[in-house]
Amino acid sequence: MTNLFLKRKKMHYIVLIGVVVFALSVMVIINVKSQSVQKLSTPDLIKQAFTSGEITEEERLLYLAYALDDQDKLPTRFHSSVPWGGTLIIWELREAVRSKSIMCKLSPFGQSELRRILQEGVICDT
């Protein structure tokens, strides 16, 4: 009887250890995933959302402009502490506002926001 009691007690410890190891593994996986998301810069987070279809082209352009000049308007999910350079982003945005084929596809709000931030842009015929 004592031998059976010891076997059950040992089995309970083995199960408990298994549960603890599983829980720790899950915590490590969650931590690694959250760190990998945080390793993306603001433009990369915006690009990822655009590529997956979560945001439109207009939102992508506006969020890039907000990231450069008006962070209060940038949704917090795109805020990142990862450093990034803005030279290519500025070039892309300037090309967009100078292009009727791009600019005139945007809503009046999108057009005016990009013009306000970049202080230039084509005027679309309505």
Protein backbone atom coordinates (compact mmCIF):
# COMPACT_ATOMS: atom_id res chain seq x y z
CA MET A 1 0.00 0.00 0.00
CA THR A 2 2.83 2.39 0.78
CA ASN A 3 4.44 1.48 -2.53
CA LEU A 4 1.21 2.32 -4.42
CA PHE A 5 0.96 5.64 -2.54
CA LEU A 6 4.54 6.54 -3.54
CA LYS A 7 3.88 5.64 -7.18
CA ARG A 8 0.79 7.89 -7.26
CA LYS A 9 2.65 10.72 -5.56
CA LYS A 10 5.51 10.36 -8.07
CA MET A 11 3.00 10.37 -10.95
CA HIS A 12 1.39 13.58 -9.58
CA TYR A 13 4.82 15.26 -9.50
CA ILE A 14 5.56 14.16 -13.04
CA VAL A 15 2.23 15.57 -14.25
CA LEU A 16 2.81 18.80 -12.30
CA ILE A 17 6.28 19.19 -13.81
CA GLY A 18 4.84 18.55 -17.28
CA VAL A 19 2.20 21.24 -16.79
CA VAL A 20 4.81 23.73 -15.55
CA VAL A 21 7.12 22.99 -18.50
CA PHE A 22 4.21 23.39 -20.93
CA ALA A 23 3.16 26.70 -19.35
CA LEU A 24 6.71 28.03 -19.49
CA SER A 25 7.01 26.97 -23.13
CA VAL A 26 3.82 28.83 -24.02
CA MET A 27 5.06 31.94 -22.20
CA VAL A 28 8.37 31.83 -24.09
CA ILE A 29 6.59 31.44 -27.45
CA ILE A 30 4.27 34.39 -26.70
CA ASN A 31 7.23 36.52 -25.60
CA VAL A 32 9.24 35.68 -28.75
CA LYS A 33 6.26 36.51 -30.99
CA SER A 34 5.64 39.85 -29.29
CA GLN A 35 9.33 40.74 -29.56
CA SER A 36 9.40 39.88 -33.26
CA VAL A 37 6.44 42.20 -33.89
CA GLN A 38 8.16 44.95 -31.91
CA LYS A 39 11.29 44.58 -34.05
CA LEU A 40 9.47 46.16 -36.98
CA SER A 41 9.81 49.87 -37.63
CA THR A 42 6.80 52.10 -38.14
CA PRO A 43 7.02 51.98 -41.96
CA ASP A 44 7.41 48.19 -41.80
CA LEU A 45 4.32 47.87 -39.58
CA ILE A 46 2.38 50.04 -42.03
CA LYS A 47 3.66 48.00 -44.99
CA GLN A 48 2.70 44.75 -43.25
CA ALA A 49 -0.84 46.02 -42.62
CA PHE A 50 -1.17 47.17 -46.24
CA THR A 51 0.19 43.91 -47.66
CA SER A 52 -2.25 41.88 -45.57
CA GLY A 53 -5.16 44.05 -46.71
CA GLU A 54 -5.85 45.59 -43.30
CA ILE A 55 -5.41 49.14 -44.61
CA THR A 56 -5.93 50.79 -48.00
CA GLU A 57 -3.36 52.53 -50.18
CA GLU A 58 -4.74 55.88 -49.04
CA GLU A 59 -4.37 54.91 -45.38
CA ARG A 60 -0.85 53.68 -46.08
CA LEU A 61 0.18 57.01 -47.56
CA LEU A 62 -1.53 58.99 -44.81
CA TYR A 63 0.03 56.88 -42.04
CA LEU A 64 3.48 57.30 -43.56
CA ALA A 65 2.93 61.06 -43.68
CA TYR A 66 1.65 61.05 -40.08
CA ALA A 67 4.69 59.03 -39.02
CA LEU A 68 6.91 61.77 -40.42
CA ASP A 69 5.09 64.86 -39.28
CA ASP A 70 1.96 64.28 -37.18
CA GLN A 71 2.46 61.30 -34.84
CA ASP A 72 -0.66 62.17 -32.84
CA LYS A 73 -2.78 61.16 -35.85
CA LEU A 74 -0.89 57.88 -36.39
CA PRO A 75 -2.78 54.92 -34.89
CA THR A 76 -0.86 53.59 -31.89
CA ARG A 77 -0.57 50.11 -33.39
CA PHE A 78 1.92 51.59 -35.86
CA HIS A 79 4.08 53.31 -33.25
CA SER A 80 7.46 51.61 -32.89
CA SER A 81 10.65 52.30 -31.03
CA VAL A 82 12.70 50.77 -33.84
CA PRO A 83 14.69 53.50 -35.63
CA TRP A 84 14.07 54.14 -39.32
CA GLY A 85 15.11 56.61 -41.98
CA GLY A 86 12.58 58.89 -43.64
CA THR A 87 14.39 59.88 -46.83
CA LEU A 88 12.81 57.23 -49.06
CA ILE A 89 9.41 57.73 -47.40
CA ILE A 90 9.55 61.47 -48.12
CA TRP A 91 10.57 60.76 -51.71
CA GLU A 92 7.67 58.31 -52.16
CA LEU A 93 5.15 60.71 -50.64
CA ARG A 94 6.38 63.64 -52.75
CA GLU A 95 6.12 61.51 -55.89
CA ALA A 96 2.57 60.54 -54.89
CA VAL A 97 1.36 64.12 -54.32
CA ARG A 98 2.93 65.27 -57.60
CA SER A 99 1.18 62.51 -59.56
CA LYS A 100 -2.38 63.10 -60.71
CA SER A 101 -2.85 59.37 -61.28
CA ILE A 102 -2.13 58.70 -57.60
CA MET A 103 -3.39 61.84 -55.92
CA CYS A 104 -6.70 62.04 -57.75
CA LYS A 105 -7.63 58.49 -56.68
CA LEU A 106 -7.55 59.59 -53.05
CA SER A 107 -10.49 61.00 -51.14
CA PRO A 108 -10.68 64.80 -50.75
CA PHE A 109 -9.66 64.31 -47.10
CA GLY A 110 -6.62 62.22 -48.08
CA GLN A 111 -5.59 64.77 -50.69
CA SER A 112 -5.87 67.69 -48.29
CA GLU A 113 -4.00 65.88 -45.50
CA LEU A 114 -1.10 64.99 -47.79
CA ARG A 115 -1.01 68.54 -49.16
CA ARG A 116 -1.05 69.95 -45.60
CA ILE A 117 1.80 67.74 -44.41
CA LEU A 118 3.97 67.90 -47.52
CA GLN A 119 3.00 71.48 -48.37
CA GLU A 120 2.60 70.62 -52.03
CA GLY A 121 0.47 68.53 -54.34
CA VAL A 122 -1.47 68.53 -57.57
CA ILE A 123 -5.02 69.80 -57.62
CA CYS A 124 -7.54 67.32 -58.95
CA ASP A 125 -10.44 68.38 -61.13
CA THR A 126 -13.73 67.54 -59.51
